[in-house]
Amino acid sequence: MLASAAILLIFGWLDYITGYEFGFFIFYFIPVAIAAWYGGCSQGVAMAVCAAVCWYISDRLTNHPYSRAYFVYWETFMRLASFLTTSMTLSRIRKLVLNEERLVSELITAQEELHLYRKSGPQSRHKEGEHPPPAQG
């Protein structure tokens, strides 16, 4: 999360020094994506909110003229919605990928155990003097 915050501050600063005419909006997704992927949904959402606030502050400090005063709030809300969507989507994808990796690992373990079971043969699976259970039909 600290790396994401540092990246966000750098992009916010670059957005400010380049002025409102140079669109930096797309770069704000990078720290949001990093936070969501490695930190999960809650950290991703927090970074999405921070990114929207950072964009708003940069936009206000560059004195971006709007034809209506409330447009800046609409623009901020649209960016927030985009950042939140990205954050929640990426954190969900990461969760699914981790779950799939866990399932694959469990499947491989089960296959190895089954292979060892089959390799051991029916005689070695029973104690001496016991008879194997009858085959089920």
Protein backbone atom coordinates (compact mmCIF):
# COMPACT_ATOMS: atom_id res chain seq x y z
CA MET A 1 0.00 0.00 0.00
CA LEU A 2 2.90 2.32 0.72
CA ALA A 3 4.32 1.83 -2.78
CA SER A 4 0.90 2.57 -4.27
CA ALA A 5 0.61 5.75 -2.21
CA ALA A 6 4.07 6.89 -3.33
CA ILE A 7 3.19 6.22 -6.98
CA LEU A 8 -0.09 8.07 -6.55
CA LEU A 9 1.66 11.11 -5.08
CA ILE A 10 4.16 11.14 -7.94
CA PHE A 11 1.39 10.98 -10.55
CA GLY A 12 -0.62 13.62 -8.69
CA TRP A 13 2.40 15.91 -8.66
CA LEU A 14 3.09 15.26 -12.36
CA ASP A 15 -0.57 15.94 -13.12
CA TYR A 16 -0.34 19.24 -11.27
CA ILE A 17 2.90 20.46 -12.89
CA THR A 18 1.77 19.54 -16.41
CA GLY A 19 -1.50 21.46 -16.03
CA TYR A 20 -5.08 20.54 -16.73
CA GLU A 21 -4.69 20.41 -20.51
CA PHE A 22 -2.45 17.34 -20.33
CA GLY A 23 -4.70 14.43 -19.33
CA PHE A 24 -3.09 12.30 -16.64
CA PHE A 25 -6.28 10.44 -15.72
CA ILE A 26 -5.16 7.06 -17.07
CA PHE A 27 -2.02 7.00 -14.91
CA TYR A 28 -4.05 7.13 -11.70
CA PHE A 29 -5.17 3.58 -12.41
CA ILE A 30 -1.66 2.22 -11.78
CA PRO A 31 -1.57 2.73 -7.99
CA VAL A 32 -5.21 1.69 -7.74
CA ALA A 33 -4.46 -1.55 -9.60
CA ILE A 34 -1.38 -2.31 -7.48
CA ALA A 35 -3.27 -1.75 -4.23
CA ALA A 36 -6.23 -3.86 -5.36
CA TRP A 37 -4.10 -6.72 -6.68
CA TYR A 38 -1.72 -7.03 -3.75
CA GLY A 39 -3.78 -5.54 -0.93
CA GLY A 40 -7.26 -6.80 -1.69
CA CYS A 41 -10.59 -5.08 -2.02
CA SER A 42 -10.42 -2.79 1.02
CA GLN A 43 -6.98 -1.41 0.19
CA GLY A 44 -7.97 -1.08 -3.46
CA VAL A 45 -11.10 0.88 -2.56
CA ALA A 46 -9.08 3.10 -0.22
CA MET A 47 -6.56 3.79 -2.99
CA ALA A 48 -9.40 4.48 -5.46
CA VAL A 49 -10.80 7.13 -3.12
CA CYS A 50 -7.30 8.59 -2.60
CA ALA A 51 -6.77 8.69 -6.37
CA ALA A 52 -10.03 10.55 -6.92
CA VAL A 53 -9.16 13.04 -4.17
CA CYS A 54 -5.65 13.47 -5.58
CA TRP A 55 -7.05 14.10 -9.06
CA TYR A 56 -9.56 16.62 -7.63
CA ILE A 57 -6.85 18.52 -5.74
CA SER A 58 -4.61 18.61 -8.78
CA ASP A 59 -7.47 19.82 -10.96
CA ARG A 60 -8.41 22.57 -8.51
CA LEU A 61 -4.82 23.73 -8.02
CA THR A 62 -4.31 24.08 -11.79
CA ASN A 63 -7.37 26.36 -11.95
CA HIS A 64 -9.08 24.26 -14.60
CA PRO A 65 -11.94 26.42 -15.90
CA TYR A 66 -15.36 24.81 -16.08
CA SER A 67 -18.45 26.35 -17.64
CA ARG A 68 -20.44 25.31 -14.56
CA ALA A 69 -19.03 25.14 -11.05
CA TYR A 70 -20.52 21.71 -10.33
CA PHE A 71 -18.78 20.07 -13.34
CA VAL A 72 -15.62 19.55 -11.33
CA TYR A 73 -17.60 17.46 -8.87
CA TRP A 74 -19.16 15.45 -11.69
CA GLU A 75 -15.71 14.82 -13.17
CA THR A 76 -14.40 13.76 -9.76
CA PHE A 77 -17.35 11.42 -9.25
CA MET A 78 -16.83 9.84 -12.69
CA ARG A 79 -13.17 9.25 -11.92
CA LEU A 80 -14.03 7.81 -8.53
CA ALA A 81 -16.54 5.44 -10.15
CA SER A 82 -13.88 4.35 -12.67
CA PHE A 83 -11.25 3.81 -9.98
CA LEU A 84 -13.69 1.88 -7.77
CA THR A 85 -14.78 -0.34 -10.65
CA THR A 86 -11.16 -1.10 -11.52
CA SER A 87 -10.27 -1.76 -7.90
CA MET A 88 -13.15 -4.11 -7.19
CA THR A 89 -12.72 -5.95 -10.48
CA LEU A 90 -9.00 -6.52 -10.04
CA SER A 91 -9.30 -7.60 -6.41
CA ARG A 92 -12.01 -10.10 -7.40
CA ILE A 93 -9.88 -11.45 -10.28
CA ARG A 94 -6.93 -11.83 -7.90
CA LYS A 95 -9.11 -13.71 -5.42
CA LEU A 96 -10.31 -16.05 -8.17
CA VAL A 97 -6.75 -16.64 -9.41
CA LEU A 98 -5.55 -17.50 -5.90
CA ASN A 99 -8.49 -19.85 -5.41
CA GLU A 100 -7.77 -21.56 -8.72
CA GLU A 101 -4.11 -22.00 -7.78
CA ARG A 102 -5.18 -23.57 -4.46
CA LEU A 103 -7.57 -25.94 -6.22
CA VAL A 104 -4.91 -26.99 -8.73
CA SER A 105 -2.49 -27.67 -5.88
CA GLU A 106 -5.11 -29.79 -4.09
CA LEU A 107 -5.87 -31.66 -7.31
CA ILE A 108 -2.19 -32.45 -7.90
CA THR A 109 -1.83 -33.71 -4.33
CA ALA A 110 -4.91 -35.91 -4.71
CA GLN A 111 -3.61 -37.28 -8.03
CA GLU A 112 -0.25 -38.12 -6.45
CA GLU A 113 -1.96 -39.86 -3.52
CA LEU A 114 -4.19 -41.81 -5.90
CA HIS A 115 -1.18 -42.83 -7.97
CA LEU A 116 0.64 -44.06 -4.85
CA TYR A 117 -2.49 -45.91 -3.72
CA ARG A 118 -2.85 -47.66 -7.06
CA LYS A 119 0.87 -48.42 -7.24
CA SER A 120 0.91 -50.07 -3.81
CA GLY A 121 -1.37 -52.88 -5.01
CA PRO A 122 -4.23 -54.53 -3.12
CA GLN A 123 -1.97 -56.88 -1.10
CA SER A 124 0.02 -54.13 0.57
CA ARG A 125 -3.07 -52.14 1.49
CA HIS A 126 -4.29 -54.80 3.95
CA LYS A 127 -2.77 -56.18 7.08
CA GLU A 128 -1.37 -59.65 6.95
CA GLY A 129 -4.08 -62.26 7.38
CA GLU A 130 -6.89 -59.91 6.33
CA HIS A 131 -8.79 -60.36 3.14
CA PRO A 132 -9.40 -57.44 0.82
CA PRO A 133 -12.96 -56.20 0.86
CA PRO A 134 -15.18 -57.62 -1.87
CA ALA A 135 -15.40 -55.61 -5.06
CA GLN A 136 -18.54 -53.60 -5.29
CA GLY A 137 -20.53 -54.12 -8.42
